[in-house]
């Protein structure tokens, strides 16, 4: 069972409350997503640390219930 885009956004916002989250269904199959996440909390962190913050929101569901999530992280201008 795939994870809905709304659930992806909900989990990211729970982990990073100030985030602006944009979710795209890459293949139209509800199983391959891309997320652009913009947050002030990324400031001073490496790209790897930023992605780890997001991945932590999914725990064991990453790679199972949530099959594929391509990430782009940004710091507000």
PDB file of N, CA and C in Angstrom:
ATOM      1  N   UNK A   1       0.844  -1.184   0.000  1.00  0.00           N
ATOM      2  CA  UNK A   1       0.000   0.000   0.000  1.00  0.00           C
ATOM      3  C   UNK A   1       0.881   1.236   0.000  1.00  0.00           C
ATOM      4  N   UNK A   2       0.645   2.123  -0.925  1.00  0.00           N
ATOM      5  CA  UNK A   2       1.432   3.337  -1.077  1.00  0.00           C
ATOM      6  C   UNK A   2       0.978   4.404  -0.078  1.00  0.00           C
ATOM      7  N   UNK A   3       1.855   5.358   0.162  1.00  0.00           N
ATOM      8  CA  UNK A   3       1.544   6.475   1.046  1.00  0.00           C
ATOM      9  C   UNK A   3       0.993   7.630   0.211  1.00  0.00           C
ATOM     10  N   UNK A   4      -0.073   8.227   0.659  1.00  0.00           N
ATOM     11  CA  UNK A   4      -0.688   9.353  -0.043  1.00  0.00           C
ATOM     12  C   UNK A   4       0.163  10.610   0.097  1.00  0.00           C
ATOM     13  N   UNK A   5       0.096  11.471  -0.897  1.00  0.00           N
ATOM     14  CA  UNK A   5       0.842  12.729  -0.873  1.00  0.00           C
ATOM     15  C   UNK A   5       0.486  13.553   0.365  1.00  0.00           C
ATOM     16  N   UNK A   6      -0.774  13.540   0.755  1.00  0.00           N
ATOM     17  CA  UNK A   6      -1.191  14.304   1.939  1.00  0.00           C
ATOM     18  C   UNK A   6      -0.526  13.782   3.208  1.00  0.00           C
ATOM     19  N   UNK A   7      -0.307  12.474   3.294  1.00  0.00           N
ATOM     20  CA  UNK A   7       0.366  11.884   4.456  1.00  0.00           C
ATOM     21  C   UNK A   7       1.850  12.259   4.459  1.00  0.00           C
ATOM     22  N   UNK A   8       2.465  12.293   3.282  1.00  0.00           N
ATOM     23  CA  UNK A   8       3.867  12.708   3.186  1.00  0.00           C
ATOM     24  C   UNK A   8       4.009  14.129   3.706  1.00  0.00           C
ATOM     25  N   UNK A   9       3.154  15.016   3.231  1.00  0.00           N
ATOM     26  CA  UNK A   9       3.204  16.416   3.674  1.00  0.00           C
ATOM     27  C   UNK A   9       2.965  16.520   5.182  1.00  0.00           C
ATOM     28  N   UNK A  10       1.988  15.796   5.683  1.00  0.00           N
ATOM     29  CA  UNK A  10       1.652  15.809   7.115  1.00  0.00           C
ATOM     30  C   UNK A  10       2.854  15.394   7.966  1.00  0.00           C
ATOM     31  N   UNK A  11       3.546  14.351   7.553  1.00  0.00           N
ATOM     32  CA  UNK A  11       4.686  13.866   8.340  1.00  0.00           C
ATOM     33  C   UNK A  11       5.862  14.841   8.293  1.00  0.00           C
ATOM     34  N   UNK A  12       6.103  15.421   7.133  1.00  0.00           N
ATOM     35  CA  UNK A  12       7.188  16.398   7.031  1.00  0.00           C
ATOM     36  C   UNK A  12       6.878  17.601   7.925  1.00  0.00           C
ATOM     37  N   UNK A  13       5.641  18.083   7.883  1.00  0.00           N
ATOM     38  CA  UNK A  13       5.264  19.229   8.706  1.00  0.00           C
ATOM     39  C   UNK A  13       5.303  18.905  10.198  1.00  0.00           C
ATOM     40  N   UNK A  14       5.023  17.674  10.561  1.00  0.00           N
ATOM     41  CA  UNK A  14       5.111  17.275  11.970  1.00  0.00           C
ATOM     42  C   UNK A  14       6.560  17.327  12.449  1.00  0.00           C
ATOM     43  N   UNK A  15       7.489  16.964  11.564  1.00  0.00           N
ATOM     44  CA  UNK A  15       8.909  16.953  11.924  1.00  0.00           C
ATOM     45  C   UNK A  15       9.548  18.330  11.807  1.00  0.00           C
ATOM     46  N   UNK A  16       9.057  19.124  10.844  1.00  0.00           N
ATOM     47  CA  UNK A  16       9.636  20.440  10.559  1.00  0.00           C
ATOM     48  C   UNK A  16       8.469  21.418  10.425  1.00  0.00           C
ATOM     49  N   UNK A  17       7.958  21.921  11.548  1.00  0.00           N
ATOM     50  CA  UNK A  17       6.718  22.705  11.530  1.00  0.00           C
ATOM     51  C   UNK A  17       6.744  23.977  10.679  1.00  0.00           C
ATOM     52  N   UNK A  18       7.914  24.578  10.501  1.00  0.00           N
ATOM     53  CA  UNK A  18       7.964  25.828   9.728  1.00  0.00           C
ATOM     54  C   UNK A  18       8.137  25.578   8.228  1.00  0.00           C
ATOM     55  N   UNK A  19       8.140  24.338   7.816  1.00  0.00           N
ATOM     56  CA  UNK A  19       8.421  23.989   6.421  1.00  0.00           C
ATOM     57  C   UNK A  19       7.292  24.399   5.475  1.00  0.00           C
ATOM     58  N   UNK A  20       7.701  24.750   4.277  1.00  0.00           N
ATOM     59  CA  UNK A  20       6.784  24.886   3.147  1.00  0.00           C
ATOM     60  C   UNK A  20       7.053  23.656   2.284  1.00  0.00           C
ATOM     61  N   UNK A  21       6.040  22.851   2.050  1.00  0.00           N
ATOM     62  CA  UNK A  21       6.211  21.549   1.396  1.00  0.00           C
ATOM     63  C   UNK A  21       5.430  21.517   0.088  1.00  0.00           C
ATOM     64  N   UNK A  22       6.113  21.113  -0.973  1.00  0.00           N
ATOM     65  CA  UNK A  22       5.468  20.896  -2.271  1.00  0.00           C
ATOM     66  C   UNK A  22       5.717  19.443  -2.662  1.00  0.00           C
ATOM     67  N   UNK A  23       4.658  18.710  -2.929  1.00  0.00           N
ATOM     68  CA  UNK A  23       4.757  17.293  -3.288  1.00  0.00           C
ATOM     69  C   UNK A  23       4.317  17.120  -4.739  1.00  0.00           C
ATOM     70  N   UNK A  24       5.081  16.327  -5.501  1.00  0.00           N
ATOM     71  CA  UNK A  24       4.718  15.997  -6.881  1.00  0.00           C
ATOM     72  C   UNK A  24       4.732  14.473  -7.041  1.00  0.00           C
ATOM     73  N   UNK A  25       3.714  13.962  -7.690  1.00  0.00           N
ATOM     74  CA  UNK A  25       3.645  12.541  -8.023  1.00  0.00           C
ATOM     75  C   UNK A  25       4.366  12.376  -9.360  1.00  0.00           C
ATOM     76  N   UNK A  26       5.547  11.798  -9.344  1.00  0.00           N
ATOM     77  CA  UNK A  26       6.411  11.763 -10.525  1.00  0.00           C
ATOM     78  C   UNK A  26       5.908  10.860 -11.637  1.00  0.00           C
ATOM     79  N   UNK A  27       5.285   9.745 -11.285  1.00  0.00           N
ATOM     80  CA  UNK A  27       4.893   8.770 -12.294  1.00  0.00           C
ATOM     81  C   UNK A  27       3.379   8.649 -12.443  1.00  0.00           C
ATOM     82  N   UNK A  28       2.638   9.387 -11.637  1.00  0.00           N
ATOM     83  CA  UNK A  28       1.182   9.288 -11.682  1.00  0.00           C
ATOM     84  C   UNK A  28       0.655   8.002 -11.091  1.00  0.00           C
ATOM     85  N   UNK A  29       1.506   7.312 -10.340  1.00  0.00           N
ATOM     86  CA  UNK A  29       1.106   6.015  -9.791  1.00  0.00           C
ATOM     87  C   UNK A  29       0.925   6.027  -8.272  1.00  0.00           C
ATOM     88  N   UNK A  30       1.096   7.203  -7.643  1.00  0.00           N
ATOM     89  CA  UNK A  30       0.943   7.289  -6.194  1.00  0.00           C
ATOM     90  C   UNK A  30       2.025   6.549  -5.446  1.00  0.00           C
ATOM     91  N   UNK A  31       3.141   6.270  -6.093  1.00  0.00           N
ATOM     92  CA  UNK A  31       4.204   5.482  -5.472  1.00  0.00           C
ATOM     93  C   UNK A  31       5.585   6.117  -5.618  1.00  0.00           C
ATOM     94  N   UNK A  32       5.713   7.089  -6.503  1.00  0.00           N
ATOM     95  CA  UNK A  32       7.000   7.742  -6.753  1.00  0.00           C
ATOM     96  C   UNK A  32       6.798   9.252  -6.666  1.00  0.00           C
ATOM     97  N   UNK A  33       7.343   9.833  -5.599  1.00  0.00           N
ATOM     98  CA  UNK A  33       7.107  11.243  -5.325  1.00  0.00           C
ATOM     99  C   UNK A  33       8.404  12.036  -5.324  1.00  0.00           C
ATOM    100  N   UNK A  34       8.242  13.345  -5.502  1.00  0.00           N
ATOM    101  CA  UNK A  34       9.322  14.300  -5.288  1.00  0.00           C
ATOM    102  C   UNK A  34       8.771  15.358  -4.336  1.00  0.00           C
ATOM    103  N   UNK A  35       9.600  15.799  -3.408  1.00  0.00           N
ATOM    104  CA  UNK A  35       9.194  16.832  -2.463  1.00  0.00           C
ATOM    105  C   UNK A  35      10.231  17.942  -2.467  1.00  0.00           C
ATOM    106  N   UNK A  36       9.743  19.167  -2.500  1.00  0.00           N
ATOM    107  CA  UNK A  36      10.585  20.333  -2.289  1.00  0.00           C
ATOM    108  C   UNK A  36      10.192  20.879  -0.927  1.00  0.00           C
ATOM    109  N   UNK A  37      11.182  20.968  -0.042  1.00  0.00           N
ATOM    110  CA  UNK A  37      10.929  21.401   1.327  1.00  0.00           C
ATOM    111  C   UNK A  37      11.792  22.622   1.606  1.00  0.00           C
ATOM    112  N   UNK A  38      11.141  23.714   1.992  1.00  0.00           N
ATOM    113  CA  UNK A  38      11.831  24.955   2.315  1.00  0.00           C
ATOM    114  C   UNK A  38      11.648  25.219   3.804  1.00  0.00           C
ATOM    115  N   UNK A  39      12.767  25.431   4.504  1.00  0.00           N
ATOM    116  CA  UNK A  39      12.681  25.645   5.944  1.00  0.00           C
ATOM    117  C   UNK A  39      13.889  26.419   6.452  1.00  0.00           C
ATOM    118  N   UNK A  40      13.637  27.319   7.359  1.00  0.00           N
ATOM    119  CA  UNK A  40      14.707  28.052   8.031  1.00  0.00           C
ATOM    120  C   UNK A  40      15.547  27.102   8.880  1.00  0.00           C
ATOM    121  N   UNK A  41      14.953  26.013   9.340  1.00  0.00           N
ATOM    122  CA  UNK A  41      15.691  25.071  10.191  1.00  0.00           C
ATOM    123  C   UNK A  41      16.821  24.365   9.438  1.00  0.00           C
ATOM    124  N   UNK A  42      16.856  24.487   8.120  1.00  0.00           N
ATOM    125  CA  UNK A  42      17.950  23.908   7.334  1.00  0.00           C
ATOM    126  C   UNK A  42      19.208  24.766   7.362  1.00  0.00           C
ATOM    127  N   UNK A  43      19.076  26.027   7.755  1.00  0.00           N
ATOM    128  CA  UNK A  43      20.210  26.940   7.735  1.00  0.00           C
ATOM    129  C   UNK A  43      21.352  26.393   8.604  1.00  0.00           C
ATOM    130  N   UNK A  44      22.563  26.388   8.045  1.00  0.00           N
ATOM    131  CA  UNK A  44      23.739  25.910   8.763  1.00  0.00           C
ATOM    132  C   UNK A  44      23.926  24.405   8.727  1.00  0.00           C
ATOM    133  N   UNK A  45      23.007  23.695   8.089  1.00  0.00           N
ATOM    134  CA  UNK A  45      23.112  22.235   8.004  1.00  0.00           C
ATOM    135  C   UNK A  45      23.541  21.842   6.599  1.00  0.00           C
ATOM    136  N   UNK A  46      24.249  20.731   6.495  1.00  0.00           N
ATOM    137  CA  UNK A  46      24.636  20.215   5.183  1.00  0.00           C
ATOM    138  C   UNK A  46      23.397  19.652   4.490  1.00  0.00           C
ATOM    139  N   UNK A  47      23.519  19.442   3.197  1.00  0.00           N
ATOM    140  CA  UNK A  47      22.412  18.851   2.439  1.00  0.00           C
ATOM    141  C   UNK A  47      22.065  17.477   3.010  1.00  0.00           C
ATOM    142  N   UNK A  48      23.068  16.705   3.378  1.00  0.00           N
ATOM    143  CA  UNK A  48      22.827  15.375   3.962  1.00  0.00           C
ATOM    144  C   UNK A  48      22.030  15.509   5.262  1.00  0.00           C
ATOM    145  N   UNK A  49      22.413  16.447   6.117  1.00  0.00           N
ATOM    146  CA  UNK A  49      21.683  16.648   7.376  1.00  0.00           C
ATOM    147  C   UNK A  49      20.247  17.093   7.122  1.00  0.00           C
ATOM    148  N   UNK A  50      20.051  17.933   6.119  1.00  0.00           N
ATOM    149  CA  UNK A  50      18.707  18.381   5.773  1.00  0.00           C
ATOM    150  C   UNK A  50      17.837  17.198   5.351  1.00  0.00           C
ATOM    151  N   UNK A  51      18.394  16.338   4.504  1.00  0.00           N
ATOM    152  CA  UNK A  51      17.645  15.170   4.034  1.00  0.00           C
ATOM    153  C   UNK A  51      17.397  14.190   5.176  1.00  0.00           C
ATOM    154  N   UNK A  52      18.355  14.066   6.091  1.00  0.00           N
ATOM    155  CA  UNK A  52      18.160  13.191   7.241  1.00  0.00           C
ATOM    156  C   UNK A  52      17.005  13.671   8.110  1.00  0.00           C
ATOM    157  N   UNK A  53      16.868  14.988   8.241  1.00  0.00           N
ATOM    158  CA  UNK A  53      15.754  15.546   9.015  1.00  0.00           C
ATOM    159  C   UNK A  53      14.421  15.120   8.416  1.00  0.00           C
ATOM    160  N   UNK A  54      14.333  15.143   7.113  1.00  0.00           N
ATOM    161  CA  UNK A  54      13.092  14.755   6.438  1.00  0.00           C
ATOM    162  C   UNK A  54      12.892  13.247   6.520  1.00  0.00           C
ATOM    163  N   UNK A  55      13.918  12.490   6.217  1.00  0.00           N
ATOM    164  CA  UNK A  55      13.796  11.027   6.243  1.00  0.00           C
ATOM    165  C   UNK A  55      13.396  10.513   7.622  1.00  0.00           C
ATOM    166  N   UNK A  56      13.845  11.183   8.677  1.00  0.00           N
ATOM    167  CA  UNK A  56      13.507  10.765  10.038  1.00  0.00           C
ATOM    168  C   UNK A  56      12.004  10.815  10.285  1.00  0.00           C
ATOM    169  N   UNK A  57      11.301  11.649   9.544  1.00  0.00           N
ATOM    170  CA  UNK A  57       9.849  11.765   9.705  1.00  0.00           C
ATOM    171  C   UNK A  57       9.122  10.495   9.280  1.00  0.00           C
ATOM    172  N   UNK A  58       9.793   9.632   8.525  1.00  0.00           N
ATOM    173  CA  UNK A  58       9.136   8.444   7.983  1.00  0.00           C
ATOM    174  C   UNK A  58       9.555   7.152   8.663  1.00  0.00           C
ATOM    175  N   UNK A  59      10.627   7.167   9.416  1.00  0.00           N
ATOM    176  CA  UNK A  59      11.058   5.976  10.146  1.00  0.00           C
ATOM    177  C   UNK A  59      11.120   4.752   9.247  1.00  0.00           C
ATOM    178  N   UNK A  60      10.561   3.655   9.728  1.00  0.00           N
ATOM    179  CA  UNK A  60      10.603   2.378   9.012  1.00  0.00           C
ATOM    180  C   UNK A  60       9.743   2.382   7.746  1.00  0.00           C
ATOM    181  N   UNK A  61       8.887   3.396   7.586  1.00  0.00           N
ATOM    182  CA  UNK A  61       8.056   3.461   6.382  1.00  0.00           C
ATOM    183  C   UNK A  61       8.851   3.883   5.146  1.00  0.00           C
ATOM    184  N   UNK A  62      10.027   4.496   5.360  1.00  0.00           N
ATOM    185  CA  UNK A  62      10.857   4.915   4.226  1.00  0.00           C
ATOM    186  C   UNK A  62      11.384   3.669   3.519  1.00  0.00           C
ATOM    187  N   UNK A  63      11.099   3.578   2.228  1.00  0.00           N
ATOM    188  CA  UNK A  63      11.549   2.437   1.436  1.00  0.00           C
ATOM    189  C   UNK A  63      10.576   1.270   1.443  1.00  0.00           C
ATOM    190  N   UNK A  64       9.539   1.365   2.263  1.00  0.00           N
ATOM    191  CA  UNK A  64       8.532   0.300   2.291  1.00  0.00           C
ATOM    192  C   UNK A  64       7.188   0.900   1.893  1.00  0.00           C
ATOM    193  N   UNK A  65       6.477   1.470   2.854  1.00  0.00           N
ATOM    194  CA  UNK A  65       5.192   2.114   2.555  1.00  0.00           C
ATOM    195  C   UNK A  65       5.415   3.311   1.633  1.00  0.00           C
ATOM    196  N   UNK A  66       6.469   4.061   1.912  1.00  0.00           N
ATOM    197  CA  UNK A  66       6.866   5.164   1.038  1.00  0.00           C
ATOM    198  C   UNK A  66       7.994   4.639   0.169  1.00  0.00           C
ATOM    199  N   UNK A  67       7.645   4.287  -1.053  1.00  0.00           N
ATOM    200  CA  UNK A  67       8.592   3.594  -1.926  1.00  0.00           C
ATOM    201  C   UNK A  67       9.713   4.502  -2.410  1.00  0.00           C
ATOM    202  N   UNK A  68       9.376   5.684  -2.908  1.00  0.00           N
ATOM    203  CA  UNK A  68      10.384   6.552  -3.518  1.00  0.00           C
ATOM    204  C   UNK A  68      10.048   8.010  -3.260  1.00  0.00           C
ATOM    205  N   UNK A  69      11.018   8.752  -2.691  1.00  0.00           N
ATOM    206  CA  UNK A  69      10.829  10.171  -2.427  1.00  0.00           C
ATOM    207  C   UNK A  69      12.117  10.906  -2.769  1.00  0.00           C
ATOM    208  N   UNK A  70      12.092  11.625  -3.868  1.00  0.00           N
ATOM    209  CA  UNK A  70      13.237  12.461  -4.272  1.00  0.00           C
ATOM    210  C   UNK A  70      13.098  13.789  -3.524  1.00  0.00           C
ATOM    211  N   UNK A  71      14.175  14.251  -2.921  1.00  0.00           N
ATOM    212  CA  UNK A  71      14.121  15.454  -2.099  1.00  0.00           C
ATOM    213  C   UNK A  71      14.917  16.606  -2.691  1.00  0.00           C
ATOM    214  N   UNK A  72      14.335  17.788  -2.587  1.00  0.00           N
ATOM    215  CA  UNK A  72      15.029  19.035  -2.834  1.00  0.00           C
ATOM    216  C   UNK A  72      14.788  19.881  -1.591  1.00  0.00           C
ATOM    217  N   UNK A  73      15.852  20.366  -0.975  1.00  0.00           N
ATOM    218  CA  UNK A  73      15.704  21.201   0.210  1.00  0.00           C
ATOM    219  C   UNK A  73      16.205  22.597  -0.096  1.00  0.00           C
ATOM    220  N   UNK A  74      15.546  23.573   0.534  1.00  0.00           N
ATOM    221  CA  UNK A  74      15.887  24.980   0.328  1.00  0.00           C
ATOM    222  C   UNK A  74      15.815  25.736   1.640  1.00  0.00           C
ATOM    223  N   UNK A  75      16.572  26.822   1.704  1.00  0.00           N
ATOM    224  CA  UNK A  75      16.502  27.759   2.812  1.00  0.00           C
ATOM    225  C   UNK A  75      15.800  29.006   2.290  1.00  0.00           C
ATOM    226  N   UNK A  76      14.852  29.562   3.054  1.00  0.00           N
ATOM    227  CA  UNK A  76      14.138  30.748   2.564  1.00  0.00           C
ATOM    228  C   UNK A  76      15.110  31.887   2.256  1.00  0.00           C
ATOM    229  N   UNK A  77      14.771  32.657   1.239  1.00  0.00           N
ATOM    230  CA  UNK A  77      15.614  33.803   0.851  1.00  0.00           C
ATOM    231  C   UNK A  77      15.442  34.954   1.812  1.00  0.00           C
TER     232      UNK A  77
END
